[in-house]
Amino acid sequence: MYHVKAQGKNGHSFYDSSMVDASH
């Protein structure tokens, strides 16, 4: 979900192991 927020919101995305921004 945070990945979608970073990409401009209003959308959906499946989890991928590369999504580490929020964890960072």
PDBML (XML) file of the C-alpha atoms, coordinates in Angstrom:
<?xml version="1.0" encoding="UTF-8" ?>
<PDBx:datablock datablockName="MODEL"
   xmlns:PDBx="http://pdbml.pdb.org/schema/pdbx-v50.xsd"
   xmlns:xsi="http://www.w3.org/2001/XMLSchema-instance"
   xsi:schemaLocation="http://pdbml.pdb.org/schema/pdbx-v50.xsd pdbx-v50.xsd">
   <PDBx:atom_siteCategory>
      <PDBx:atom_site id="1">
         <PDBx:B_iso_or_equiv>0.00</PDBx:B_iso_or_equiv>
         <PDBx:Cartn_x>0.000</PDBx:Cartn_x>
         <PDBx:Cartn_y>0.000</PDBx:Cartn_y>
         <PDBx:Cartn_z>0.000</PDBx:Cartn_z>
         <PDBx:auth_asym_id>A</PDBx:auth_asym_id>
         <PDBx:auth_atom_id>CA</PDBx:auth_atom_id>
         <PDBx:auth_comp_id>MET</PDBx:auth_comp_id>
         <PDBx:auth_seq_id>1</PDBx:auth_seq_id>
         <PDBx:group_PDB>ATOM</PDBx:group_PDB>
         <PDBx:label_alt_id xsi:nil="true" />
         <PDBx:label_asym_id>A</PDBx:label_asym_id>
         <PDBx:label_atom_id>CA</PDBx:label_atom_id>
         <PDBx:label_comp_id>MET</PDBx:label_comp_id>
         <PDBx:label_entity_id>1</PDBx:label_entity_id>
         <PDBx:label_seq_id>1</PDBx:label_seq_id>
         <PDBx:occupancy>1.00</PDBx:occupancy>
         <PDBx:pdbx_PDB_model_num>1</PDBx:pdbx_PDB_model_num>
         <PDBx:type_symbol>C</PDBx:type_symbol>
      </PDBx:atom_site>
      <PDBx:atom_site id="2">
         <PDBx:B_iso_or_equiv>0.00</PDBx:B_iso_or_equiv>
         <PDBx:Cartn_x>2.834</PDBx:Cartn_x>
         <PDBx:Cartn_y>2.432</PDBx:Cartn_y>
         <PDBx:Cartn_z>0.823</PDBx:Cartn_z>
         <PDBx:auth_asym_id>A</PDBx:auth_asym_id>
         <PDBx:auth_atom_id>CA</PDBx:auth_atom_id>
         <PDBx:auth_comp_id>TYR</PDBx:auth_comp_id>
         <PDBx:auth_seq_id>2</PDBx:auth_seq_id>
         <PDBx:group_PDB>ATOM</PDBx:group_PDB>
         <PDBx:label_alt_id xsi:nil="true" />
         <PDBx:label_asym_id>A</PDBx:label_asym_id>
         <PDBx:label_atom_id>CA</PDBx:label_atom_id>
         <PDBx:label_comp_id>TYR</PDBx:label_comp_id>
         <PDBx:label_entity_id>1</PDBx:label_entity_id>
         <PDBx:label_seq_id>2</PDBx:label_seq_id>
         <PDBx:occupancy>1.00</PDBx:occupancy>
         <PDBx:pdbx_PDB_model_num>1</PDBx:pdbx_PDB_model_num>
         <PDBx:type_symbol>C</PDBx:type_symbol>
      </PDBx:atom_site>
      <PDBx:atom_site id="3">
         <PDBx:B_iso_or_equiv>0.00</PDBx:B_iso_or_equiv>
         <PDBx:Cartn_x>4.339</PDBx:Cartn_x>
         <PDBx:Cartn_y>1.599</PDBx:Cartn_y>
         <PDBx:Cartn_z>-2.549</PDBx:Cartn_z>
         <PDBx:auth_asym_id>A</PDBx:auth_asym_id>
         <PDBx:auth_atom_id>CA</PDBx:auth_atom_id>
         <PDBx:auth_comp_id>HIS</PDBx:auth_comp_id>
         <PDBx:auth_seq_id>3</PDBx:auth_seq_id>
         <PDBx:group_PDB>ATOM</PDBx:group_PDB>
         <PDBx:label_alt_id xsi:nil="true" />
         <PDBx:label_asym_id>A</PDBx:label_asym_id>
         <PDBx:label_atom_id>CA</PDBx:label_atom_id>
         <PDBx:label_comp_id>HIS</PDBx:label_comp_id>
         <PDBx:label_entity_id>1</PDBx:label_entity_id>
         <PDBx:label_seq_id>3</PDBx:label_seq_id>
         <PDBx:occupancy>1.00</PDBx:occupancy>
         <PDBx:pdbx_PDB_model_num>1</PDBx:pdbx_PDB_model_num>
         <PDBx:type_symbol>C</PDBx:type_symbol>
      </PDBx:atom_site>
      <PDBx:atom_site id="4">
         <PDBx:B_iso_or_equiv>0.00</PDBx:B_iso_or_equiv>
         <PDBx:Cartn_x>1.087</PDBx:Cartn_x>
         <PDBx:Cartn_y>2.755</PDBx:Cartn_y>
         <PDBx:Cartn_z>-4.207</PDBx:Cartn_z>
         <PDBx:auth_asym_id>A</PDBx:auth_asym_id>
         <PDBx:auth_atom_id>CA</PDBx:auth_atom_id>
         <PDBx:auth_comp_id>VAL</PDBx:auth_comp_id>
         <PDBx:auth_seq_id>4</PDBx:auth_seq_id>
         <PDBx:group_PDB>ATOM</PDBx:group_PDB>
         <PDBx:label_alt_id xsi:nil="true" />
         <PDBx:label_asym_id>A</PDBx:label_asym_id>
         <PDBx:label_atom_id>CA</PDBx:label_atom_id>
         <PDBx:label_comp_id>VAL</PDBx:label_comp_id>
         <PDBx:label_entity_id>1</PDBx:label_entity_id>
         <PDBx:label_seq_id>4</PDBx:label_seq_id>
         <PDBx:occupancy>1.00</PDBx:occupancy>
         <PDBx:pdbx_PDB_model_num>1</PDBx:pdbx_PDB_model_num>
         <PDBx:type_symbol>C</PDBx:type_symbol>
      </PDBx:atom_site>
      <PDBx:atom_site id="5">
         <PDBx:B_iso_or_equiv>0.00</PDBx:B_iso_or_equiv>
         <PDBx:Cartn_x>1.189</PDBx:Cartn_x>
         <PDBx:Cartn_y>5.945</PDBx:Cartn_y>
         <PDBx:Cartn_z>-2.116</PDBx:Cartn_z>
         <PDBx:auth_asym_id>A</PDBx:auth_asym_id>
         <PDBx:auth_atom_id>CA</PDBx:auth_atom_id>
         <PDBx:auth_comp_id>LYS</PDBx:auth_comp_id>
         <PDBx:auth_seq_id>5</PDBx:auth_seq_id>
         <PDBx:group_PDB>ATOM</PDBx:group_PDB>
         <PDBx:label_alt_id xsi:nil="true" />
         <PDBx:label_asym_id>A</PDBx:label_asym_id>
         <PDBx:label_atom_id>CA</PDBx:label_atom_id>
         <PDBx:label_comp_id>LYS</PDBx:label_comp_id>
         <PDBx:label_entity_id>1</PDBx:label_entity_id>
         <PDBx:label_seq_id>5</PDBx:label_seq_id>
         <PDBx:occupancy>1.00</PDBx:occupancy>
         <PDBx:pdbx_PDB_model_num>1</PDBx:pdbx_PDB_model_num>
         <PDBx:type_symbol>C</PDBx:type_symbol>
      </PDBx:atom_site>
      <PDBx:atom_site id="6">
         <PDBx:B_iso_or_equiv>0.00</PDBx:B_iso_or_equiv>
         <PDBx:Cartn_x>4.731</PDBx:Cartn_x>
         <PDBx:Cartn_y>6.631</PDBx:Cartn_y>
         <PDBx:Cartn_z>-3.318</PDBx:Cartn_z>
         <PDBx:auth_asym_id>A</PDBx:auth_asym_id>
         <PDBx:auth_atom_id>CA</PDBx:auth_atom_id>
         <PDBx:auth_comp_id>ALA</PDBx:auth_comp_id>
         <PDBx:auth_seq_id>6</PDBx:auth_seq_id>
         <PDBx:group_PDB>ATOM</PDBx:group_PDB>
         <PDBx:label_alt_id xsi:nil="true" />
         <PDBx:label_asym_id>A</PDBx:label_asym_id>
         <PDBx:label_atom_id>CA</PDBx:label_atom_id>
         <PDBx:label_comp_id>ALA</PDBx:label_comp_id>
         <PDBx:label_entity_id>1</PDBx:label_entity_id>
         <PDBx:label_seq_id>6</PDBx:label_seq_id>
         <PDBx:occupancy>1.00</PDBx:occupancy>
         <PDBx:pdbx_PDB_model_num>1</PDBx:pdbx_PDB_model_num>
         <PDBx:type_symbol>C</PDBx:type_symbol>
      </PDBx:atom_site>
      <PDBx:atom_site id="7">
         <PDBx:B_iso_or_equiv>0.00</PDBx:B_iso_or_equiv>
         <PDBx:Cartn_x>3.690</PDBx:Cartn_x>
         <PDBx:Cartn_y>6.056</PDBx:Cartn_y>
         <PDBx:Cartn_z>-6.931</PDBx:Cartn_z>
         <PDBx:auth_asym_id>A</PDBx:auth_asym_id>
         <PDBx:auth_atom_id>CA</PDBx:auth_atom_id>
         <PDBx:auth_comp_id>GLN</PDBx:auth_comp_id>
         <PDBx:auth_seq_id>7</PDBx:auth_seq_id>
         <PDBx:group_PDB>ATOM</PDBx:group_PDB>
         <PDBx:label_alt_id xsi:nil="true" />
         <PDBx:label_asym_id>A</PDBx:label_asym_id>
         <PDBx:label_atom_id>CA</PDBx:label_atom_id>
         <PDBx:label_comp_id>GLN</PDBx:label_comp_id>
         <PDBx:label_entity_id>1</PDBx:label_entity_id>
         <PDBx:label_seq_id>7</PDBx:label_seq_id>
         <PDBx:occupancy>1.00</PDBx:occupancy>
         <PDBx:pdbx_PDB_model_num>1</PDBx:pdbx_PDB_model_num>
         <PDBx:type_symbol>C</PDBx:type_symbol>
      </PDBx:atom_site>
      <PDBx:atom_site id="8">
         <PDBx:B_iso_or_equiv>0.00</PDBx:B_iso_or_equiv>
         <PDBx:Cartn_x>0.960</PDBx:Cartn_x>
         <PDBx:Cartn_y>8.699</PDBx:Cartn_y>
         <PDBx:Cartn_z>-6.804</PDBx:Cartn_z>
         <PDBx:auth_asym_id>A</PDBx:auth_asym_id>
         <PDBx:auth_atom_id>CA</PDBx:auth_atom_id>
         <PDBx:auth_comp_id>GLY</PDBx:auth_comp_id>
         <PDBx:auth_seq_id>8</PDBx:auth_seq_id>
         <PDBx:group_PDB>ATOM</PDBx:group_PDB>
         <PDBx:label_alt_id xsi:nil="true" />
         <PDBx:label_asym_id>A</PDBx:label_asym_id>
         <PDBx:label_atom_id>CA</PDBx:label_atom_id>
         <PDBx:label_comp_id>GLY</PDBx:label_comp_id>
         <PDBx:label_entity_id>1</PDBx:label_entity_id>
         <PDBx:label_seq_id>8</PDBx:label_seq_id>
         <PDBx:occupancy>1.00</PDBx:occupancy>
         <PDBx:pdbx_PDB_model_num>1</PDBx:pdbx_PDB_model_num>
         <PDBx:type_symbol>C</PDBx:type_symbol>
      </PDBx:atom_site>
      <PDBx:atom_site id="9">
         <PDBx:B_iso_or_equiv>0.00</PDBx:B_iso_or_equiv>
         <PDBx:Cartn_x>-1.939</PDBx:Cartn_x>
         <PDBx:Cartn_y>6.999</PDBx:Cartn_y>
         <PDBx:Cartn_z>-4.976</PDBx:Cartn_z>
         <PDBx:auth_asym_id>A</PDBx:auth_asym_id>
         <PDBx:auth_atom_id>CA</PDBx:auth_atom_id>
         <PDBx:auth_comp_id>LYS</PDBx:auth_comp_id>
         <PDBx:auth_seq_id>9</PDBx:auth_seq_id>
         <PDBx:group_PDB>ATOM</PDBx:group_PDB>
         <PDBx:label_alt_id xsi:nil="true" />
         <PDBx:label_asym_id>A</PDBx:label_asym_id>
         <PDBx:label_atom_id>CA</PDBx:label_atom_id>
         <PDBx:label_comp_id>LYS</PDBx:label_comp_id>
         <PDBx:label_entity_id>1</PDBx:label_entity_id>
         <PDBx:label_seq_id>9</PDBx:label_seq_id>
         <PDBx:occupancy>1.00</PDBx:occupancy>
         <PDBx:pdbx_PDB_model_num>1</PDBx:pdbx_PDB_model_num>
         <PDBx:type_symbol>C</PDBx:type_symbol>
      </PDBx:atom_site>
      <PDBx:atom_site id="10">
         <PDBx:B_iso_or_equiv>0.00</PDBx:B_iso_or_equiv>
         <PDBx:Cartn_x>-5.314</PDBx:Cartn_x>
         <PDBx:Cartn_y>5.908</PDBx:Cartn_y>
         <PDBx:Cartn_z>-6.429</PDBx:Cartn_z>
         <PDBx:auth_asym_id>A</PDBx:auth_asym_id>
         <PDBx:auth_atom_id>CA</PDBx:auth_atom_id>
         <PDBx:auth_comp_id>ASN</PDBx:auth_comp_id>
         <PDBx:auth_seq_id>10</PDBx:auth_seq_id>
         <PDBx:group_PDB>ATOM</PDBx:group_PDB>
         <PDBx:label_alt_id xsi:nil="true" />
         <PDBx:label_asym_id>A</PDBx:label_asym_id>
         <PDBx:label_atom_id>CA</PDBx:label_atom_id>
         <PDBx:label_comp_id>ASN</PDBx:label_comp_id>
         <PDBx:label_entity_id>1</PDBx:label_entity_id>
         <PDBx:label_seq_id>10</PDBx:label_seq_id>
         <PDBx:occupancy>1.00</PDBx:occupancy>
         <PDBx:pdbx_PDB_model_num>1</PDBx:pdbx_PDB_model_num>
         <PDBx:type_symbol>C</PDBx:type_symbol>
      </PDBx:atom_site>
      <PDBx:atom_site id="11">
         <PDBx:B_iso_or_equiv>0.00</PDBx:B_iso_or_equiv>
         <PDBx:Cartn_x>-4.308</PDBx:Cartn_x>
         <PDBx:Cartn_y>2.417</PDBx:Cartn_y>
         <PDBx:Cartn_z>-7.451</PDBx:Cartn_z>
         <PDBx:auth_asym_id>A</PDBx:auth_asym_id>
         <PDBx:auth_atom_id>CA</PDBx:auth_atom_id>
         <PDBx:auth_comp_id>GLY</PDBx:auth_comp_id>
         <PDBx:auth_seq_id>11</PDBx:auth_seq_id>
         <PDBx:group_PDB>ATOM</PDBx:group_PDB>
         <PDBx:label_alt_id xsi:nil="true" />
         <PDBx:label_asym_id>A</PDBx:label_asym_id>
         <PDBx:label_atom_id>CA</PDBx:label_atom_id>
         <PDBx:label_comp_id>GLY</PDBx:label_comp_id>
         <PDBx:label_entity_id>1</PDBx:label_entity_id>
         <PDBx:label_seq_id>11</PDBx:label_seq_id>
         <PDBx:occupancy>1.00</PDBx:occupancy>
         <PDBx:pdbx_PDB_model_num>1</PDBx:pdbx_PDB_model_num>
         <PDBx:type_symbol>C</PDBx:type_symbol>
      </PDBx:atom_site>
      <PDBx:atom_site id="12">
         <PDBx:B_iso_or_equiv>0.00</PDBx:B_iso_or_equiv>
         <PDBx:Cartn_x>-3.417</PDBx:Cartn_x>
         <PDBx:Cartn_y>-1.065</PDBx:Cartn_y>
         <PDBx:Cartn_z>-6.291</PDBx:Cartn_z>
         <PDBx:auth_asym_id>A</PDBx:auth_asym_id>
         <PDBx:auth_atom_id>CA</PDBx:auth_atom_id>
         <PDBx:auth_comp_id>HIS</PDBx:auth_comp_id>
         <PDBx:auth_seq_id>12</PDBx:auth_seq_id>
         <PDBx:group_PDB>ATOM</PDBx:group_PDB>
         <PDBx:label_alt_id xsi:nil="true" />
         <PDBx:label_asym_id>A</PDBx:label_asym_id>
         <PDBx:label_atom_id>CA</PDBx:label_atom_id>
         <PDBx:label_comp_id>HIS</PDBx:label_comp_id>
         <PDBx:label_entity_id>1</PDBx:label_entity_id>
         <PDBx:label_seq_id>12</PDBx:label_seq_id>
         <PDBx:occupancy>1.00</PDBx:occupancy>
         <PDBx:pdbx_PDB_model_num>1</PDBx:pdbx_PDB_model_num>
         <PDBx:type_symbol>C</PDBx:type_symbol>
      </PDBx:atom_site>
      <PDBx:atom_site id="13">
         <PDBx:B_iso_or_equiv>0.00</PDBx:B_iso_or_equiv>
         <PDBx:Cartn_x>-0.233</PDBx:Cartn_x>
         <PDBx:Cartn_y>-3.073</PDBx:Cartn_y>
         <PDBx:Cartn_z>-6.163</PDBx:Cartn_z>
         <PDBx:auth_asym_id>A</PDBx:auth_asym_id>
         <PDBx:auth_atom_id>CA</PDBx:auth_atom_id>
         <PDBx:auth_comp_id>SER</PDBx:auth_comp_id>
         <PDBx:auth_seq_id>13</PDBx:auth_seq_id>
         <PDBx:group_PDB>ATOM</PDBx:group_PDB>
         <PDBx:label_alt_id xsi:nil="true" />
         <PDBx:label_asym_id>A</PDBx:label_asym_id>
         <PDBx:label_atom_id>CA</PDBx:label_atom_id>
         <PDBx:label_comp_id>SER</PDBx:label_comp_id>
         <PDBx:label_entity_id>1</PDBx:label_entity_id>
         <PDBx:label_seq_id>13</PDBx:label_seq_id>
         <PDBx:occupancy>1.00</PDBx:occupancy>
         <PDBx:pdbx_PDB_model_num>1</PDBx:pdbx_PDB_model_num>
         <PDBx:type_symbol>C</PDBx:type_symbol>
      </PDBx:atom_site>
      <PDBx:atom_site id="14">
         <PDBx:B_iso_or_equiv>0.00</PDBx:B_iso_or_equiv>
         <PDBx:Cartn_x>0.807</PDBx:Cartn_x>
         <PDBx:Cartn_y>-6.604</PDBx:Cartn_y>
         <PDBx:Cartn_z>-5.219</PDBx:Cartn_z>
         <PDBx:auth_asym_id>A</PDBx:auth_asym_id>
         <PDBx:auth_atom_id>CA</PDBx:auth_atom_id>
         <PDBx:auth_comp_id>PHE</PDBx:auth_comp_id>
         <PDBx:auth_seq_id>14</PDBx:auth_seq_id>
         <PDBx:group_PDB>ATOM</PDBx:group_PDB>
         <PDBx:label_alt_id xsi:nil="true" />
         <PDBx:label_asym_id>A</PDBx:label_asym_id>
         <PDBx:label_atom_id>CA</PDBx:label_atom_id>
         <PDBx:label_comp_id>PHE</PDBx:label_comp_id>
         <PDBx:label_entity_id>1</PDBx:label_entity_id>
         <PDBx:label_seq_id>14</PDBx:label_seq_id>
         <PDBx:occupancy>1.00</PDBx:occupancy>
         <PDBx:pdbx_PDB_model_num>1</PDBx:pdbx_PDB_model_num>
         <PDBx:type_symbol>C</PDBx:type_symbol>
      </PDBx:atom_site>
      <PDBx:atom_site id="15">
         <PDBx:B_iso_or_equiv>0.00</PDBx:B_iso_or_equiv>
         <PDBx:Cartn_x>3.578</PDBx:Cartn_x>
         <PDBx:Cartn_y>-7.080</PDBx:Cartn_y>
         <PDBx:Cartn_z>-2.717</PDBx:Cartn_z>
         <PDBx:auth_asym_id>A</PDBx:auth_asym_id>
         <PDBx:auth_atom_id>CA</PDBx:auth_atom_id>
         <PDBx:auth_comp_id>TYR</PDBx:auth_comp_id>
         <PDBx:auth_seq_id>15</PDBx:auth_seq_id>
         <PDBx:group_PDB>ATOM</PDBx:group_PDB>
         <PDBx:label_alt_id xsi:nil="true" />
         <PDBx:label_asym_id>A</PDBx:label_asym_id>
         <PDBx:label_atom_id>CA</PDBx:label_atom_id>
         <PDBx:label_comp_id>TYR</PDBx:label_comp_id>
         <PDBx:label_entity_id>1</PDBx:label_entity_id>
         <PDBx:label_seq_id>15</PDBx:label_seq_id>
         <PDBx:occupancy>1.00</PDBx:occupancy>
         <PDBx:pdbx_PDB_model_num>1</PDBx:pdbx_PDB_model_num>
         <PDBx:type_symbol>C</PDBx:type_symbol>
      </PDBx:atom_site>
      <PDBx:atom_site id="16">
         <PDBx:B_iso_or_equiv>0.00</PDBx:B_iso_or_equiv>
         <PDBx:Cartn_x>7.065</PDBx:Cartn_x>
         <PDBx:Cartn_y>-7.562</PDBx:Cartn_y>
         <PDBx:Cartn_z>-4.059</PDBx:Cartn_z>
         <PDBx:auth_asym_id>A</PDBx:auth_asym_id>
         <PDBx:auth_atom_id>CA</PDBx:auth_atom_id>
         <PDBx:auth_comp_id>ASP</PDBx:auth_comp_id>
         <PDBx:auth_seq_id>16</PDBx:auth_seq_id>
         <PDBx:group_PDB>ATOM</PDBx:group_PDB>
         <PDBx:label_alt_id xsi:nil="true" />
         <PDBx:label_asym_id>A</PDBx:label_asym_id>
         <PDBx:label_atom_id>CA</PDBx:label_atom_id>
         <PDBx:label_comp_id>ASP</PDBx:label_comp_id>
         <PDBx:label_entity_id>1</PDBx:label_entity_id>
         <PDBx:label_seq_id>16</PDBx:label_seq_id>
         <PDBx:occupancy>1.00</PDBx:occupancy>
         <PDBx:pdbx_PDB_model_num>1</PDBx:pdbx_PDB_model_num>
         <PDBx:type_symbol>C</PDBx:type_symbol>
      </PDBx:atom_site>
      <PDBx:atom_site id="17">
         <PDBx:B_iso_or_equiv>0.00</PDBx:B_iso_or_equiv>
         <PDBx:Cartn_x>10.230</PDBx:Cartn_x>
         <PDBx:Cartn_y>-8.222</PDBx:Cartn_y>
         <PDBx:Cartn_z>-2.073</PDBx:Cartn_z>
         <PDBx:auth_asym_id>A</PDBx:auth_asym_id>
         <PDBx:auth_atom_id>CA</PDBx:auth_atom_id>
         <PDBx:auth_comp_id>SER</PDBx:auth_comp_id>
         <PDBx:auth_seq_id>17</PDBx:auth_seq_id>
         <PDBx:group_PDB>ATOM</PDBx:group_PDB>
         <PDBx:label_alt_id xsi:nil="true" />
         <PDBx:label_asym_id>A</PDBx:label_asym_id>
         <PDBx:label_atom_id>CA</PDBx:label_atom_id>
         <PDBx:label_comp_id>SER</PDBx:label_comp_id>
         <PDBx:label_entity_id>1</PDBx:label_entity_id>
         <PDBx:label_seq_id>17</PDBx:label_seq_id>
         <PDBx:occupancy>1.00</PDBx:occupancy>
         <PDBx:pdbx_PDB_model_num>1</PDBx:pdbx_PDB_model_num>
         <PDBx:type_symbol>C</PDBx:type_symbol>
      </PDBx:atom_site>
      <PDBx:atom_site id="18">
         <PDBx:B_iso_or_equiv>0.00</PDBx:B_iso_or_equiv>
         <PDBx:Cartn_x>11.792</PDBx:Cartn_x>
         <PDBx:Cartn_y>-5.081</PDBx:Cartn_y>
         <PDBx:Cartn_z>-3.549</PDBx:Cartn_z>
         <PDBx:auth_asym_id>A</PDBx:auth_asym_id>
         <PDBx:auth_atom_id>CA</PDBx:auth_atom_id>
         <PDBx:auth_comp_id>SER</PDBx:auth_comp_id>
         <PDBx:auth_seq_id>18</PDBx:auth_seq_id>
         <PDBx:group_PDB>ATOM</PDBx:group_PDB>
         <PDBx:label_alt_id xsi:nil="true" />
         <PDBx:label_asym_id>A</PDBx:label_asym_id>
         <PDBx:label_atom_id>CA</PDBx:label_atom_id>
         <PDBx:label_comp_id>SER</PDBx:label_comp_id>
         <PDBx:label_entity_id>1</PDBx:label_entity_id>
         <PDBx:label_seq_id>18</PDBx:label_seq_id>
         <PDBx:occupancy>1.00</PDBx:occupancy>
         <PDBx:pdbx_PDB_model_num>1</PDBx:pdbx_PDB_model_num>
         <PDBx:type_symbol>C</PDBx:type_symbol>
      </PDBx:atom_site>
      <PDBx:atom_site id="19">
         <PDBx:B_iso_or_equiv>0.00</PDBx:B_iso_or_equiv>
         <PDBx:Cartn_x>9.335</PDBx:Cartn_x>
         <PDBx:Cartn_y>-2.887</PDBx:Cartn_y>
         <PDBx:Cartn_z>-1.679</PDBx:Cartn_z>
         <PDBx:auth_asym_id>A</PDBx:auth_asym_id>
         <PDBx:auth_atom_id>CA</PDBx:auth_atom_id>
         <PDBx:auth_comp_id>MET</PDBx:auth_comp_id>
         <PDBx:auth_seq_id>19</PDBx:auth_seq_id>
         <PDBx:group_PDB>ATOM</PDBx:group_PDB>
         <PDBx:label_alt_id xsi:nil="true" />
         <PDBx:label_asym_id>A</PDBx:label_asym_id>
         <PDBx:label_atom_id>CA</PDBx:label_atom_id>
         <PDBx:label_comp_id>MET</PDBx:label_comp_id>
         <PDBx:label_entity_id>1</PDBx:label_entity_id>
         <PDBx:label_seq_id>19</PDBx:label_seq_id>
         <PDBx:occupancy>1.00</PDBx:occupancy>
         <PDBx:pdbx_PDB_model_num>1</PDBx:pdbx_PDB_model_num>
         <PDBx:type_symbol>C</PDBx:type_symbol>
      </PDBx:atom_site>
      <PDBx:atom_site id="20">
         <PDBx:B_iso_or_equiv>0.00</PDBx:B_iso_or_equiv>
         <PDBx:Cartn_x>11.526</PDBx:Cartn_x>
         <PDBx:Cartn_y>-1.846</PDBx:Cartn_y>
         <PDBx:Cartn_z>1.209</PDBx:Cartn_z>
         <PDBx:auth_asym_id>A</PDBx:auth_asym_id>
         <PDBx:auth_atom_id>CA</PDBx:auth_atom_id>
         <PDBx:auth_comp_id>VAL</PDBx:auth_comp_id>
         <PDBx:auth_seq_id>20</PDBx:auth_seq_id>
         <PDBx:group_PDB>ATOM</PDBx:group_PDB>
         <PDBx:label_alt_id xsi:nil="true" />
         <PDBx:label_asym_id>A</PDBx:label_asym_id>
         <PDBx:label_atom_id>CA</PDBx:label_atom_id>
         <PDBx:label_comp_id>VAL</PDBx:label_comp_id>
         <PDBx:label_entity_id>1</PDBx:label_entity_id>
         <PDBx:label_seq_id>20</PDBx:label_seq_id>
         <PDBx:occupancy>1.00</PDBx:occupancy>
         <PDBx:pdbx_PDB_model_num>1</PDBx:pdbx_PDB_model_num>
         <PDBx:type_symbol>C</PDBx:type_symbol>
      </PDBx:atom_site>
      <PDBx:atom_site id="21">
         <PDBx:B_iso_or_equiv>0.00</PDBx:B_iso_or_equiv>
         <PDBx:Cartn_x>10.925</PDBx:Cartn_x>
         <PDBx:Cartn_y>1.907</PDBx:Cartn_y>
         <PDBx:Cartn_z>1.390</PDBx:Cartn_z>
         <PDBx:auth_asym_id>A</PDBx:auth_asym_id>
         <PDBx:auth_atom_id>CA</PDBx:auth_atom_id>
         <PDBx:auth_comp_id>ASP</PDBx:auth_comp_id>
         <PDBx:auth_seq_id>21</PDBx:auth_seq_id>
         <PDBx:group_PDB>ATOM</PDBx:group_PDB>
         <PDBx:label_alt_id xsi:nil="true" />
         <PDBx:label_asym_id>A</PDBx:label_asym_id>
         <PDBx:label_atom_id>CA</PDBx:label_atom_id>
         <PDBx:label_comp_id>ASP</PDBx:label_comp_id>
         <PDBx:label_entity_id>1</PDBx:label_entity_id>
         <PDBx:label_seq_id>21</PDBx:label_seq_id>
         <PDBx:occupancy>1.00</PDBx:occupancy>
         <PDBx:pdbx_PDB_model_num>1</PDBx:pdbx_PDB_model_num>
         <PDBx:type_symbol>C</PDBx:type_symbol>
      </PDBx:atom_site>
      <PDBx:atom_site id="22">
         <PDBx:B_iso_or_equiv>0.00</PDBx:B_iso_or_equiv>
         <PDBx:Cartn_x>8.433</PDBx:Cartn_x>
         <PDBx:Cartn_y>1.703</PDBx:Cartn_y>
         <PDBx:Cartn_z>4.239</PDBx:Cartn_z>
         <PDBx:auth_asym_id>A</PDBx:auth_asym_id>
         <PDBx:auth_atom_id>CA</PDBx:auth_atom_id>
         <PDBx:auth_comp_id>ALA</PDBx:auth_comp_id>
         <PDBx:auth_seq_id>22</PDBx:auth_seq_id>
         <PDBx:group_PDB>ATOM</PDBx:group_PDB>
         <PDBx:label_alt_id xsi:nil="true" />
         <PDBx:label_asym_id>A</PDBx:label_asym_id>
         <PDBx:label_atom_id>CA</PDBx:label_atom_id>
         <PDBx:label_comp_id>ALA</PDBx:label_comp_id>
         <PDBx:label_entity_id>1</PDBx:label_entity_id>
         <PDBx:label_seq_id>22</PDBx:label_seq_id>
         <PDBx:occupancy>1.00</PDBx:occupancy>
         <PDBx:pdbx_PDB_model_num>1</PDBx:pdbx_PDB_model_num>
         <PDBx:type_symbol>C</PDBx:type_symbol>
      </PDBx:atom_site>
      <PDBx:atom_site id="23">
         <PDBx:B_iso_or_equiv>0.00</PDBx:B_iso_or_equiv>
         <PDBx:Cartn_x>10.613</PDBx:Cartn_x>
         <PDBx:Cartn_y>-0.771</PDBx:Cartn_y>
         <PDBx:Cartn_z>6.135</PDBx:Cartn_z>
         <PDBx:auth_asym_id>A</PDBx:auth_asym_id>
         <PDBx:auth_atom_id>CA</PDBx:auth_atom_id>
         <PDBx:auth_comp_id>SER</PDBx:auth_comp_id>
         <PDBx:auth_seq_id>23</PDBx:auth_seq_id>
         <PDBx:group_PDB>ATOM</PDBx:group_PDB>
         <PDBx:label_alt_id xsi:nil="true" />
         <PDBx:label_asym_id>A</PDBx:label_asym_id>
         <PDBx:label_atom_id>CA</PDBx:label_atom_id>
         <PDBx:label_comp_id>SER</PDBx:label_comp_id>
         <PDBx:label_entity_id>1</PDBx:label_entity_id>
         <PDBx:label_seq_id>23</PDBx:label_seq_id>
         <PDBx:occupancy>1.00</PDBx:occupancy>
         <PDBx:pdbx_PDB_model_num>1</PDBx:pdbx_PDB_model_num>
         <PDBx:type_symbol>C</PDBx:type_symbol>
      </PDBx:atom_site>
      <PDBx:atom_site id="24">
         <PDBx:B_iso_or_equiv>0.00</PDBx:B_iso_or_equiv>
         <PDBx:Cartn_x>13.611</PDBx:Cartn_x>
         <PDBx:Cartn_y>1.486</PDBx:Cartn_y>
         <PDBx:Cartn_z>5.656</PDBx:Cartn_z>
         <PDBx:auth_asym_id>A</PDBx:auth_asym_id>
         <PDBx:auth_atom_id>CA</PDBx:auth_atom_id>
         <PDBx:auth_comp_id>HIS</PDBx:auth_comp_id>
         <PDBx:auth_seq_id>24</PDBx:auth_seq_id>
         <PDBx:group_PDB>ATOM</PDBx:group_PDB>
         <PDBx:label_alt_id xsi:nil="true" />
         <PDBx:label_asym_id>A</PDBx:label_asym_id>
         <PDBx:label_atom_id>CA</PDBx:label_atom_id>
         <PDBx:label_comp_id>HIS</PDBx:label_comp_id>
         <PDBx:label_entity_id>1</PDBx:label_entity_id>
         <PDBx:label_seq_id>24</PDBx:label_seq_id>
         <PDBx:occupancy>1.00</PDBx:occupancy>
         <PDBx:pdbx_PDB_model_num>1</PDBx:pdbx_PDB_model_num>
         <PDBx:type_symbol>C</PDBx:type_symbol>
      </PDBx:atom_site>
   </PDBx:atom_siteCategory>
</PDBx:datablock>
